[in-house]
Amino acid sequence: MSPGKYDARGEMTMSPGPTRILVLGGGFGGVYTALTLERLLRHDLRRGTVEIALVNRENYIVFQPMLPEVISGSIGLVDTISAHPHCHRPRYAALRA
């Protein structure tokens, strides 16, 4: 149930529909929070009672612990960047802020 309409007294009532979970920020914390929620709520996701959305400005994540190797030239910058895992799954919304 997700919040929806107001009744005659002005109190919010619950409308039928999926529970929507919005994860703000696609850094390590946001990505791993979304992945953990996916694992914990996999049955609800399949039934359509839960929706997860990951919001971030970029559609990629930079593995920052490897940046010193990039600066020293031992690896390339492209080796530290990967696409968000949720961007390629059809049942998730990956939104750009």
N, C-alpha and C. Protein backbone atom coordinates (compact mmCIF):
# COMPACT_ATOMS: atom_id res chain seq x y z
N MET A 1 0.84 -1.18 0.00
CA MET A 1 0.00 0.00 0.00
C MET A 1 0.89 1.24 0.00
N SER A 2 0.54 2.17 -0.81
CA SER A 2 1.31 3.41 -0.86
C SER A 2 0.37 4.57 -0.57
N PRO A 3 0.90 5.67 0.02
CA PRO A 3 0.04 6.80 0.37
C PRO A 3 -0.65 7.33 -0.87
N GLY A 4 -1.88 7.77 -0.68
CA GLY A 4 -2.61 8.24 -1.84
C GLY A 4 -3.56 9.36 -1.55
N LYS A 5 -4.82 9.03 -1.36
CA LYS A 5 -5.89 10.02 -1.29
C LYS A 5 -6.17 10.45 0.14
N TYR A 6 -6.96 11.53 0.24
CA TYR A 6 -7.40 12.04 1.54
C TYR A 6 -8.89 11.80 1.68
N ASP A 7 -9.33 11.45 2.89
CA ASP A 7 -10.76 11.23 3.10
C ASP A 7 -11.46 12.54 3.43
N ALA A 8 -12.75 12.46 3.79
CA ALA A 8 -13.56 13.66 4.04
C ALA A 8 -13.04 14.48 5.21
N ARG A 9 -12.38 13.84 6.17
CA ARG A 9 -11.83 14.56 7.33
C ARG A 9 -10.45 15.13 7.05
N GLY A 10 -9.92 14.91 5.86
CA GLY A 10 -8.60 15.43 5.53
C GLY A 10 -7.46 14.52 5.94
N GLU A 11 -7.80 13.30 6.38
CA GLU A 11 -6.76 12.36 6.78
C GLU A 11 -6.35 11.51 5.57
N MET A 12 -5.07 11.19 5.51
CA MET A 12 -4.56 10.42 4.39
C MET A 12 -5.02 8.98 4.50
N THR A 13 -5.49 8.42 3.39
CA THR A 13 -5.86 7.01 3.34
C THR A 13 -4.85 6.28 2.47
N MET A 14 -4.81 4.99 2.61
CA MET A 14 -3.90 4.18 1.83
C MET A 14 -4.60 3.71 0.56
N SER A 15 -3.94 3.87 -0.57
CA SER A 15 -4.51 3.40 -1.82
C SER A 15 -3.80 2.13 -2.24
N PRO A 16 -4.51 1.24 -2.91
CA PRO A 16 -3.85 0.01 -3.34
C PRO A 16 -2.78 0.32 -4.38
N GLY A 17 -1.72 -0.39 -4.31
CA GLY A 17 -0.62 -0.19 -5.25
C GLY A 17 0.67 -0.64 -4.61
N PRO A 18 1.73 -0.68 -5.39
CA PRO A 18 3.00 -1.17 -4.84
C PRO A 18 3.63 -0.17 -3.88
N THR A 19 4.37 -0.70 -2.94
CA THR A 19 5.18 0.14 -2.06
C THR A 19 6.40 0.56 -2.86
N ARG A 20 6.67 1.84 -2.87
CA ARG A 20 7.79 2.36 -3.66
C ARG A 20 8.94 2.74 -2.73
N ILE A 21 10.10 2.20 -3.02
CA ILE A 21 11.30 2.49 -2.24
C ILE A 21 12.23 3.29 -3.13
N LEU A 22 12.61 4.47 -2.68
CA LEU A 22 13.47 5.36 -3.44
C LEU A 22 14.83 5.44 -2.76
N VAL A 23 15.88 5.01 -3.46
CA VAL A 23 17.25 5.07 -2.94
C VAL A 23 17.92 6.26 -3.62
N LEU A 24 18.30 7.24 -2.82
CA LEU A 24 18.92 8.45 -3.35
C LEU A 24 20.44 8.33 -3.28
N GLY A 25 21.09 8.49 -4.41
CA GLY A 25 22.55 8.43 -4.46
C GLY A 25 23.03 7.07 -4.93
N GLY A 26 23.84 7.06 -5.96
CA GLY A 26 24.32 5.82 -6.53
C GLY A 26 25.76 5.52 -6.21
N GLY A 27 26.24 5.99 -5.06
CA GLY A 27 27.58 5.62 -4.63
C GLY A 27 27.56 4.21 -4.06
N PHE A 28 28.62 3.83 -3.35
CA PHE A 28 28.68 2.49 -2.79
C PHE A 28 27.49 2.22 -1.87
N GLY A 29 27.17 3.19 -1.02
CA GLY A 29 26.06 3.00 -0.08
C GLY A 29 24.73 2.80 -0.79
N GLY A 30 24.44 3.64 -1.78
CA GLY A 30 23.18 3.53 -2.50
C GLY A 30 23.06 2.26 -3.31
N VAL A 31 24.13 1.91 -4.02
CA VAL A 31 24.11 0.71 -4.86
C VAL A 31 23.95 -0.54 -4.00
N TYR A 32 24.73 -0.63 -2.92
CA TYR A 32 24.65 -1.83 -2.09
C TYR A 32 23.36 -1.87 -1.28
N THR A 33 22.79 -0.71 -0.95
CA THR A 33 21.47 -0.70 -0.32
C THR A 33 20.43 -1.24 -1.28
N ALA A 34 20.45 -0.78 -2.53
CA ALA A 34 19.49 -1.27 -3.53
C ALA A 34 19.67 -2.77 -3.78
N LEU A 35 20.91 -3.23 -3.87
CA LEU A 35 21.16 -4.66 -4.09
C LEU A 35 20.68 -5.50 -2.91
N THR A 36 20.91 -5.01 -1.69
CA THR A 36 20.46 -5.74 -0.50
C THR A 36 18.94 -5.77 -0.44
N LEU A 37 18.30 -4.64 -0.73
CA LEU A 37 16.83 -4.61 -0.76
C LEU A 37 16.30 -5.56 -1.82
N GLU A 38 16.97 -5.61 -2.97
CA GLU A 38 16.56 -6.54 -4.02
C GLU A 38 16.60 -7.98 -3.53
N ARG A 39 17.67 -8.33 -2.83
CA ARG A 39 17.80 -9.69 -2.33
C ARG A 39 16.76 -9.99 -1.25
N LEU A 40 16.56 -9.05 -0.33
CA LEU A 40 15.63 -9.27 0.77
C LEU A 40 14.16 -9.27 0.32
N LEU A 41 13.86 -8.49 -0.70
CA LEU A 41 12.47 -8.32 -1.14
C LEU A 41 12.19 -9.00 -2.48
N ARG A 42 12.98 -9.98 -2.85
CA ARG A 42 12.85 -10.57 -4.19
C ARG A 42 11.46 -11.15 -4.45
N HIS A 43 10.83 -11.73 -3.45
CA HIS A 43 9.49 -12.29 -3.65
C HIS A 43 8.46 -11.19 -3.88
N ASP A 44 8.58 -10.10 -3.12
CA ASP A 44 7.66 -8.97 -3.29
C ASP A 44 7.88 -8.28 -4.63
N LEU A 45 9.13 -8.23 -5.09
CA LEU A 45 9.43 -7.64 -6.40
C LEU A 45 8.79 -8.46 -7.52
N ARG A 46 8.86 -9.77 -7.40
CA ARG A 46 8.26 -10.64 -8.43
C ARG A 46 6.75 -10.50 -8.46
N ARG A 47 6.14 -10.35 -7.27
CA ARG A 47 4.68 -10.20 -7.19
C ARG A 47 4.23 -8.81 -7.60
N GLY A 48 5.14 -7.87 -7.63
CA GLY A 48 4.79 -6.50 -8.01
C GLY A 48 4.25 -5.67 -6.86
N THR A 49 4.46 -6.11 -5.62
CA THR A 49 3.99 -5.34 -4.46
C THR A 49 5.00 -4.32 -3.99
N VAL A 50 6.23 -4.39 -4.53
CA VAL A 50 7.30 -3.46 -4.16
C VAL A 50 7.99 -2.99 -5.45
N GLU A 51 8.36 -1.72 -5.49
CA GLU A 51 9.17 -1.16 -6.57
C GLU A 51 10.38 -0.47 -5.95
N ILE A 52 11.55 -0.64 -6.55
CA ILE A 52 12.77 0.00 -6.08
C ILE A 52 13.27 0.93 -7.18
N ALA A 53 13.61 2.16 -6.82
CA ALA A 53 14.18 3.11 -7.78
C ALA A 53 15.48 3.66 -7.20
N LEU A 54 16.52 3.68 -8.02
CA LEU A 54 17.83 4.22 -7.64
C LEU A 54 18.01 5.53 -8.40
N VAL A 55 18.23 6.61 -7.67
CA VAL A 55 18.35 7.94 -8.28
C VAL A 55 19.79 8.43 -8.13
N ASN A 56 20.39 8.81 -9.26
CA ASN A 56 21.75 9.29 -9.26
C ASN A 56 21.96 10.19 -10.47
N ARG A 57 22.91 11.08 -10.41
CA ARG A 57 23.20 11.96 -11.55
C ARG A 57 23.83 11.20 -12.70
N GLU A 58 24.67 10.23 -12.39
CA GLU A 58 25.35 9.45 -13.42
C GLU A 58 24.77 8.05 -13.47
N ASN A 59 25.01 7.36 -14.57
CA ASN A 59 24.57 5.97 -14.67
C ASN A 59 25.74 5.00 -14.48
N TYR A 60 26.76 5.44 -13.76
CA TYR A 60 27.93 4.61 -13.51
C TYR A 60 28.42 4.86 -12.09
N ILE A 61 29.33 3.99 -11.63
CA ILE A 61 29.94 4.14 -10.31
C ILE A 61 31.46 4.10 -10.50
N VAL A 62 32.17 4.96 -9.79
CA VAL A 62 33.63 4.99 -9.85
C VAL A 62 34.17 4.27 -8.62
N PHE A 63 35.04 3.28 -8.84
CA PHE A 63 35.66 2.55 -7.75
C PHE A 63 36.82 3.38 -7.23
N GLN A 64 36.56 4.25 -6.26
CA GLN A 64 37.54 5.24 -5.81
C GLN A 64 38.79 4.67 -5.15
N PRO A 65 38.73 3.50 -4.49
CA PRO A 65 39.98 2.98 -3.92
C PRO A 65 41.06 2.71 -4.97
N MET A 66 40.69 2.62 -6.24
CA MET A 66 41.68 2.36 -7.30
C MET A 66 42.23 3.63 -7.92
N LEU A 67 41.77 4.80 -7.52
CA LEU A 67 42.22 6.05 -8.14
C LEU A 67 43.73 6.30 -8.00
N PRO A 68 44.40 5.92 -6.90
CA PRO A 68 45.85 6.10 -6.86
C PRO A 68 46.58 5.34 -7.97
N GLU A 69 46.07 4.15 -8.34
CA GLU A 69 46.68 3.41 -9.44
C GLU A 69 46.47 4.13 -10.77
N VAL A 70 45.33 4.82 -10.91
CA VAL A 70 45.07 5.59 -12.12
C VAL A 70 46.06 6.75 -12.21
N ILE A 71 46.27 7.43 -11.09
CA ILE A 71 47.19 8.58 -11.06
C ILE A 71 48.62 8.14 -11.37
N SER A 72 49.02 6.97 -10.85
CA SER A 72 50.38 6.49 -11.11
C SER A 72 50.54 5.94 -12.52
N GLY A 73 49.44 5.71 -13.22
CA GLY A 73 49.51 5.23 -14.59
C GLY A 73 49.55 3.72 -14.71
N SER A 74 49.42 3.00 -13.61
CA SER A 74 49.50 1.54 -13.70
C SER A 74 48.21 0.92 -14.26
N ILE A 75 47.09 1.62 -14.14
CA ILE A 75 45.84 1.18 -14.78
C ILE A 75 45.15 2.40 -15.39
N GLY A 76 44.21 2.15 -16.28
CA GLY A 76 43.48 3.24 -16.92
C GLY A 76 42.23 3.62 -16.13
N LEU A 77 41.74 4.82 -16.37
CA LEU A 77 40.54 5.30 -15.69
C LEU A 77 39.33 4.42 -15.98
N VAL A 78 39.26 3.88 -17.18
CA VAL A 78 38.12 3.04 -17.56
C VAL A 78 38.04 1.77 -16.71
N ASP A 79 39.16 1.35 -16.16
CA ASP A 79 39.17 0.14 -15.32
C ASP A 79 38.52 0.38 -13.97
N THR A 80 38.27 1.61 -13.59
CA THR A 80 37.69 1.91 -12.29
C THR A 80 36.22 2.28 -12.37
N ILE A 81 35.64 2.26 -13.58
CA ILE A 81 34.25 2.68 -13.77
C ILE A 81 33.43 1.50 -14.24
N SER A 82 32.25 1.33 -13.66
CA SER A 82 31.33 0.30 -14.15
C SER A 82 29.91 0.86 -14.11
N ALA A 83 29.06 0.30 -14.95
CA ALA A 83 27.67 0.74 -15.00
C ALA A 83 26.94 0.29 -13.74
N HIS A 84 25.92 1.06 -13.37
CA HIS A 84 25.09 0.66 -12.23
C HIS A 84 24.42 -0.66 -12.55
N PRO A 85 24.41 -1.59 -11.61
CA PRO A 85 23.80 -2.88 -11.89
C PRO A 85 22.29 -2.79 -12.14
N HIS A 86 21.62 -1.81 -11.59
CA HIS A 86 20.17 -1.70 -11.74
C HIS A 86 19.76 -1.11 -13.09
N CYS A 87 20.68 -0.52 -13.81
CA CYS A 87 20.33 0.12 -15.08
C CYS A 87 19.94 -0.89 -16.15
N HIS A 88 20.35 -2.13 -15.99
CA HIS A 88 20.12 -3.12 -17.03
C HIS A 88 19.01 -4.10 -16.69
N ARG A 89 18.34 -3.90 -15.57
CA ARG A 89 17.27 -4.80 -15.18
C ARG A 89 15.93 -4.14 -15.46
N PRO A 90 15.07 -4.82 -16.20
CA PRO A 90 13.83 -4.18 -16.64
C PRO A 90 12.85 -3.88 -15.52
N ARG A 91 12.92 -4.59 -14.38
CA ARG A 91 11.91 -4.34 -13.35
C ARG A 91 12.31 -3.23 -12.37
N TYR A 92 13.44 -2.60 -12.59
CA TYR A 92 13.88 -1.51 -11.73
C TYR A 92 13.92 -0.21 -12.50
N ALA A 93 13.71 0.86 -11.78
CA ALA A 93 13.84 2.18 -12.39
C ALA A 93 15.15 2.78 -11.91
N ALA A 94 16.02 3.10 -12.83
CA ALA A 94 17.25 3.81 -12.49
C ALA A 94 17.08 5.23 -13.04
N LEU A 95 16.89 6.17 -12.17
CA LEU A 95 16.54 7.53 -12.56
C LEU A 95 17.75 8.45 -12.45
N ARG A 96 17.88 9.36 -13.40
CA ARG A 96 18.94 10.36 -13.33
C ARG A 96 18.39 11.61 -12.71
N ALA A 97 19.12 12.15 -11.75
CA ALA A 97 18.66 13.37 -11.06
C ALA A 97 19.04 14.60 -11.84
